[in-house]
Amino acid sequence: MMNGLYTIGLLVVSNIFMTFAWYGHLKLQQMKVITDHTPLYVVVLFSWVLALAEYFCQVPANRIGFEGNGGSFSLMQLKVIQEVISLMVFTAFTVVFFSGESLHWNHLAAFLCLILAVYFAFME
């Protein structure tokens, strides 16, 4: 049970880093911290540093959580959990950090489909 909670916690932290690595530079551009003239390699290196932090959480989460290592989840379950967490973190990031982005009924319908995906992934 505890390794399942550690796994989910590490996946949440991992996805926070991943979301900032993939989309944070867009917010930095909006805030004028970086400009259109900032070399792409600088933006990529910044993202890689964040992605490295993401991997320091993602890899242990998968090792701890995988039932082959004494964890609670099958490989398919780990992937579905990771995807759901990823979309939840991305949604929160988008709504909080990007004005003009909002949730609509179709997004909520998509989340319902994700809940169903989790249900089916854990179904015996």
Protein backbone atom coordinates (compact mmCIF):
# COMPACT_ATOMS: atom_id res chain seq x y z
CA MET A 1 0.00 0.00 0.00
CA MET A 2 2.74 2.48 0.96
CA ASN A 3 4.75 1.84 -2.20
CA GLY A 4 1.58 2.61 -4.20
CA LEU A 5 1.31 5.99 -2.48
CA TYR A 6 5.02 6.69 -2.99
CA THR A 7 4.62 5.78 -6.64
CA ILE A 8 1.68 8.12 -7.14
CA GLY A 9 3.44 10.92 -5.24
CA LEU A 10 6.58 10.56 -7.32
CA LEU A 11 4.51 10.49 -10.51
CA VAL A 12 2.79 13.73 -9.51
CA VAL A 13 6.13 15.46 -8.82
CA SER A 14 7.57 13.99 -12.01
CA ASN A 15 4.69 15.34 -14.07
CA ILE A 16 4.97 18.79 -12.53
CA PHE A 17 8.59 18.93 -13.69
CA MET A 18 7.64 17.49 -17.09
CA THR A 19 4.87 20.04 -17.63
CA PHE A 20 7.18 22.91 -16.74
CA ALA A 21 9.88 21.46 -19.02
CA TRP A 22 7.52 21.17 -21.98
CA TYR A 23 5.36 24.27 -21.52
CA GLY A 24 7.05 26.51 -18.93
CA HIS A 25 9.13 28.27 -21.56
CA LEU A 26 5.90 29.49 -23.18
CA LYS A 27 4.90 31.18 -19.92
CA LEU A 28 8.42 32.60 -19.53
CA GLN A 29 8.03 34.03 -23.03
CA GLN A 30 4.68 35.60 -22.10
CA MET A 31 6.32 37.10 -19.01
CA LYS A 32 9.14 38.48 -21.18
CA VAL A 33 11.75 36.51 -19.20
CA ILE A 34 12.79 35.01 -22.51
CA THR A 35 12.10 36.56 -25.89
CA ASP A 36 11.50 35.44 -29.46
CA HIS A 37 15.19 36.08 -29.97
CA THR A 38 16.35 33.75 -27.20
CA PRO A 39 18.31 31.00 -28.97
CA LEU A 40 16.39 27.75 -29.19
CA TYR A 41 19.32 25.80 -27.70
CA VAL A 42 19.03 27.89 -24.49
CA VAL A 43 15.33 27.04 -24.21
CA VAL A 44 16.05 23.36 -24.92
CA LEU A 45 18.85 23.23 -22.32
CA PHE A 46 16.55 24.84 -19.75
CA SER A 47 13.90 22.22 -20.54
CA TRP A 48 16.45 19.40 -20.33
CA VAL A 49 17.47 20.45 -16.84
CA LEU A 50 13.83 20.27 -15.77
CA ALA A 51 13.39 16.97 -17.62
CA LEU A 52 16.36 15.55 -15.71
CA ALA A 53 14.57 16.37 -12.47
CA GLU A 54 11.48 14.71 -13.93
CA TYR A 55 13.44 11.52 -14.63
CA PHE A 56 14.80 11.48 -11.07
CA CYS A 57 11.18 11.04 -9.96
CA GLN A 58 9.69 9.08 -12.87
CA VAL A 59 12.18 6.21 -12.95
CA PRO A 60 12.03 5.50 -9.19
CA ALA A 61 8.23 5.75 -9.32
CA ASN A 62 8.09 3.03 -11.96
CA ARG A 63 10.63 0.84 -10.13
CA ILE A 64 8.86 1.17 -6.79
CA GLY A 65 5.38 0.77 -8.25
CA PHE A 66 6.00 -2.13 -10.64
CA GLU A 67 4.62 -5.42 -9.32
CA GLY A 68 7.70 -7.22 -10.69
CA ASN A 69 9.71 -5.29 -8.09
CA GLY A 70 7.23 -5.90 -5.28
CA GLY A 71 5.08 -2.90 -6.14
CA SER A 72 1.34 -2.56 -6.45
CA PHE A 73 0.85 -2.00 -10.18
CA SER A 74 1.20 -3.81 -13.47
CA LEU A 75 3.02 -2.04 -16.29
CA MET A 76 -0.28 -1.14 -17.98
CA GLN A 77 -1.68 0.22 -14.73
CA LEU A 78 1.45 2.33 -14.18
CA LYS A 79 1.11 3.83 -17.65
CA VAL A 80 -2.58 4.64 -17.27
CA ILE A 81 -1.94 6.22 -13.84
CA GLN A 82 0.92 8.27 -15.31
CA GLU A 83 -1.20 9.52 -18.21
CA VAL A 84 -4.10 10.51 -15.97
CA ILE A 85 -1.74 12.36 -13.60
CA SER A 86 -0.06 14.01 -16.58
CA LEU A 87 -3.34 15.37 -17.91
CA MET A 88 -4.49 16.50 -14.47
CA VAL A 89 -1.21 18.37 -13.85
CA PHE A 90 -1.31 19.85 -17.36
CA THR A 91 -4.90 21.03 -16.87
CA ALA A 92 -4.09 22.69 -13.54
CA PHE A 93 -0.95 24.27 -15.03
CA THR A 94 -2.86 25.62 -18.03
CA VAL A 95 -5.75 27.06 -16.04
CA VAL A 96 -3.49 28.62 -13.39
CA PHE A 97 -0.65 29.97 -15.53
CA PHE A 98 -2.26 30.81 -18.88
CA SER A 99 -5.03 33.38 -18.89
CA GLY A 100 -7.64 32.78 -21.51
CA GLU A 101 -7.47 29.00 -21.11
CA SER A 102 -10.48 27.53 -19.39
CA LEU A 103 -12.24 24.25 -18.89
CA HIS A 104 -15.25 23.43 -21.05
CA TRP A 105 -17.81 20.62 -20.99
CA ASN A 106 -15.83 18.58 -23.53
CA HIS A 107 -12.75 18.67 -21.26
CA LEU A 108 -14.86 17.34 -18.40
CA ALA A 109 -16.19 14.62 -20.73
CA ALA A 110 -12.59 13.72 -21.58
CA PHE A 111 -11.79 13.44 -17.85
CA LEU A 112 -14.74 11.12 -17.43
CA CYS A 113 -13.23 8.95 -20.18
CA LEU A 114 -9.92 8.96 -18.27
CA ILE A 115 -11.68 7.78 -15.14
CA LEU A 116 -13.19 4.99 -17.20
CA ALA A 117 -9.71 4.17 -18.55
CA VAL A 118 -8.43 3.79 -14.99
CA TYR A 119 -11.41 1.63 -14.12
CA PHE A 120 -10.82 -0.68 -17.09
CA ALA A 121 -7.04 -0.81 -16.49
CA PHE A 122 -7.62 -2.03 -12.92
CA MET A 123 -10.49 -4.36 -13.79
CA GLU A 124 -9.72 -8.04 -13.17
